């Protein structure tokens, strides 16, 4: 079963984009480890 998670940067400029990138990477690693 596939799940889609949408994460978008909001206010905060570059800091917001960096946080979203880190969060997306963490979710991807979690999904790869725990399927």
PDB file of N, CA and C in Angstrom:
ATOM      1  N   UNK A   1       0.841  -1.164   0.000  1.00  0.00           N
ATOM      2  CA  UNK A   1       0.000   0.000   0.000  1.00  0.00           C
ATOM      3  C   UNK A   1       0.896   1.240   0.000  1.00  0.00           C
ATOM      4  N   UNK A   2       0.690   2.125  -0.955  1.00  0.00           N
ATOM      5  CA  UNK A   2       1.472   3.351  -1.042  1.00  0.00           C
ATOM      6  C   UNK A   2       0.765   4.479  -0.314  1.00  0.00           C
ATOM      7  N   UNK A   3       1.558   5.312   0.288  1.00  0.00           N
ATOM      8  CA  UNK A   3       1.052   6.518   0.945  1.00  0.00           C
ATOM      9  C   UNK A   3       1.799   7.707   0.361  1.00  0.00           C
ATOM     10  N   UNK A   4       1.127   8.817   0.251  1.00  0.00           N
ATOM     11  CA  UNK A   4       1.744  10.047  -0.236  1.00  0.00           C
ATOM     12  C   UNK A   4       1.685  11.078   0.875  1.00  0.00           C
ATOM     13  N   UNK A   5       2.834  11.663   1.161  1.00  0.00           N
ATOM     14  CA  UNK A   5       2.914  12.728   2.157  1.00  0.00           C
ATOM     15  C   UNK A   5       3.382  13.979   1.431  1.00  0.00           C
ATOM     16  N   UNK A   6       2.615  15.043   1.537  1.00  0.00           N
ATOM     17  CA  UNK A   6       2.988  16.306   0.899  1.00  0.00           C
ATOM     18  C   UNK A   6       3.477  17.267   1.974  1.00  0.00           C
ATOM     19  N   UNK A   7       4.676  17.762   1.787  1.00  0.00           N
ATOM     20  CA  UNK A   7       5.274  18.705   2.733  1.00  0.00           C
ATOM     21  C   UNK A   7       5.635  19.956   1.940  1.00  0.00           C
ATOM     22  N   UNK A   8       5.134  21.099   2.374  1.00  0.00           N
ATOM     23  CA  UNK A   8       5.404  22.348   1.663  1.00  0.00           C
ATOM     24  C   UNK A   8       6.035  23.364   2.597  1.00  0.00           C
ATOM     25  N   UNK A   9       6.971  24.113   2.058  1.00  0.00           N
ATOM     26  CA  UNK A   9       7.556  25.222   2.808  1.00  0.00           C
ATOM     27  C   UNK A   9       6.546  26.368   2.821  1.00  0.00           C
ATOM     28  N   UNK A  10       6.473  27.059   3.927  1.00  0.00           N
ATOM     29  CA  UNK A  10       5.558  28.196   4.039  1.00  0.00           C
ATOM     30  C   UNK A  10       6.388  29.445   4.326  1.00  0.00           C
ATOM     31  N   UNK A  11       5.894  30.289   5.190  1.00  0.00           N
ATOM     32  CA  UNK A  11       6.633  31.497   5.545  1.00  0.00           C
ATOM     33  C   UNK A  11       7.934  31.113   6.235  1.00  0.00           C
ATOM     34  N   UNK A  12       8.941  31.907   6.039  1.00  0.00           N
ATOM     35  CA  UNK A  12      10.210  31.644   6.693  1.00  0.00           C
ATOM     36  C   UNK A  12      11.380  31.643   5.731  1.00  0.00           C
ATOM     37  N   UNK A  13      11.081  31.753   4.450  1.00  0.00           N
ATOM     38  CA  UNK A  13      12.146  31.842   3.455  1.00  0.00           C
ATOM     39  C   UNK A  13      13.004  30.593   3.379  1.00  0.00           C
ATOM     40  N   UNK A  14      14.306  30.813   3.327  1.00  0.00           N
ATOM     41  CA  UNK A  14      15.255  29.715   3.142  1.00  0.00           C
ATOM     42  C   UNK A  14      15.238  28.751   4.322  1.00  0.00           C
ATOM     43  N   UNK A  15      15.060  29.257   5.537  1.00  0.00           N
ATOM     44  CA  UNK A  15      14.995  28.379   6.711  1.00  0.00           C
ATOM     45  C   UNK A  15      13.847  27.388   6.579  1.00  0.00           C
ATOM     46  N   UNK A  16      12.727  27.860   6.088  1.00  0.00           N
ATOM     47  CA  UNK A  16      11.567  26.994   5.906  1.00  0.00           C
ATOM     48  C   UNK A  16      11.859  25.911   4.875  1.00  0.00           C
ATOM     49  N   UNK A  17      12.509  26.280   3.789  1.00  0.00           N
ATOM     50  CA  UNK A  17      12.842  25.305   2.749  1.00  0.00           C
ATOM     51  C   UNK A  17      13.836  24.265   3.252  1.00  0.00           C
ATOM     52  N   UNK A  18      14.815  24.708   4.032  1.00  0.00           N
ATOM     53  CA  UNK A  18      15.793  23.767   4.587  1.00  0.00           C
ATOM     54  C   UNK A  18      15.130  22.789   5.554  1.00  0.00           C
ATOM     55  N   UNK A  19      14.220  23.300   6.380  1.00  0.00           N
ATOM     56  CA  UNK A  19      13.504  22.435   7.315  1.00  0.00           C
ATOM     57  C   UNK A  19      12.685  21.391   6.568  1.00  0.00           C
ATOM     58  N   UNK A  20      11.985  21.813   5.527  1.00  0.00           N
ATOM     59  CA  UNK A  20      11.167  20.883   4.743  1.00  0.00           C
ATOM     60  C   UNK A  20      12.047  19.826   4.079  1.00  0.00           C
ATOM     61  N   UNK A  21      13.194  20.215   3.575  1.00  0.00           N
ATOM     62  CA  UNK A  21      14.103  19.248   2.951  1.00  0.00           C
ATOM     63  C   UNK A  21      14.587  18.227   3.976  1.00  0.00           C
ATOM     64  N   UNK A  22      14.945  18.693   5.167  1.00  0.00           N
ATOM     65  CA  UNK A  22      15.390  17.778   6.226  1.00  0.00           C
ATOM     66  C   UNK A  22      14.263  16.852   6.663  1.00  0.00           C
ATOM     67  N   UNK A  23      13.072  17.393   6.790  1.00  0.00           N
ATOM     68  CA  UNK A  23      11.921  16.591   7.206  1.00  0.00           C
ATOM     69  C   UNK A  23      11.588  15.530   6.156  1.00  0.00           C
ATOM     70  N   UNK A  24      11.611  15.911   4.891  1.00  0.00           N
ATOM     71  CA  UNK A  24      11.336  14.955   3.815  1.00  0.00           C
ATOM     72  C   UNK A  24      12.371  13.832   3.812  1.00  0.00           C
ATOM     73  N   UNK A  25      13.632  14.179   4.032  1.00  0.00           N
ATOM     74  CA  UNK A  25      14.685  13.159   4.085  1.00  0.00           C
ATOM     75  C   UNK A  25      14.468  12.209   5.261  1.00  0.00           C
ATOM     76  N   UNK A  26      14.062  12.754   6.400  1.00  0.00           N
ATOM     77  CA  UNK A  26      13.808  11.916   7.574  1.00  0.00           C
ATOM     78  C   UNK A  26      12.652  10.956   7.315  1.00  0.00           C
ATOM     79  N   UNK A  27      11.569  11.443   6.699  1.00  0.00           N
ATOM     80  CA  UNK A  27      10.434  10.570   6.377  1.00  0.00           C
ATOM     81  C   UNK A  27      10.842   9.493   5.379  1.00  0.00           C
ATOM     82  N   UNK A  28      11.665   9.866   4.401  1.00  0.00           N
ATOM     83  CA  UNK A  28      12.110   8.895   3.401  1.00  0.00           C
ATOM     84  C   UNK A  28      12.959   7.801   4.049  1.00  0.00           C
ATOM     85  N   UNK A  29      13.873   8.182   4.921  1.00  0.00           N
ATOM     86  CA  UNK A  29      14.694   7.186   5.624  1.00  0.00           C
ATOM     87  C   UNK A  29      13.833   6.278   6.490  1.00  0.00           C
ATOM     88  N   UNK A  30      12.869   6.858   7.184  1.00  0.00           N
ATOM     89  CA  UNK A  30      11.971   6.071   8.025  1.00  0.00           C
ATOM     90  C   UNK A  30      11.220   5.045   7.185  1.00  0.00           C
ATOM     91  N   UNK A  31      10.689   5.489   6.049  1.00  0.00           N
ATOM     92  CA  UNK A  31       9.934   4.588   5.175  1.00  0.00           C
ATOM     93  C   UNK A  31      10.819   3.470   4.629  1.00  0.00           C
ATOM     94  N   UNK A  32      12.060   3.795   4.293  1.00  0.00           N
ATOM     95  CA  UNK A  32      12.966   2.770   3.772  1.00  0.00           C
ATOM     96  C   UNK A  32      13.318   1.747   4.852  1.00  0.00           C
ATOM     97  N   UNK A  33      13.454   2.198   6.095  1.00  0.00           N
ATOM     98  CA  UNK A  33      13.827   1.292   7.179  1.00  0.00           C
ATOM     99  C   UNK A  33      12.664   0.459   7.701  1.00  0.00           C
ATOM    100  N   UNK A  34      11.479   1.036   7.736  1.00  0.00           N
ATOM    101  CA  UNK A  34      10.342   0.356   8.353  1.00  0.00           C
ATOM    102  C   UNK A  34       9.232   0.012   7.372  1.00  0.00           C
ATOM    103  N   UNK A  35       9.448   0.336   6.099  1.00  0.00           N
ATOM    104  CA  UNK A  35       8.576  -0.020   5.015  1.00  0.00           C
ATOM    105  C   UNK A  35       7.168   0.313   5.181  1.00  0.00           C
TER     106      UNK A  35
END
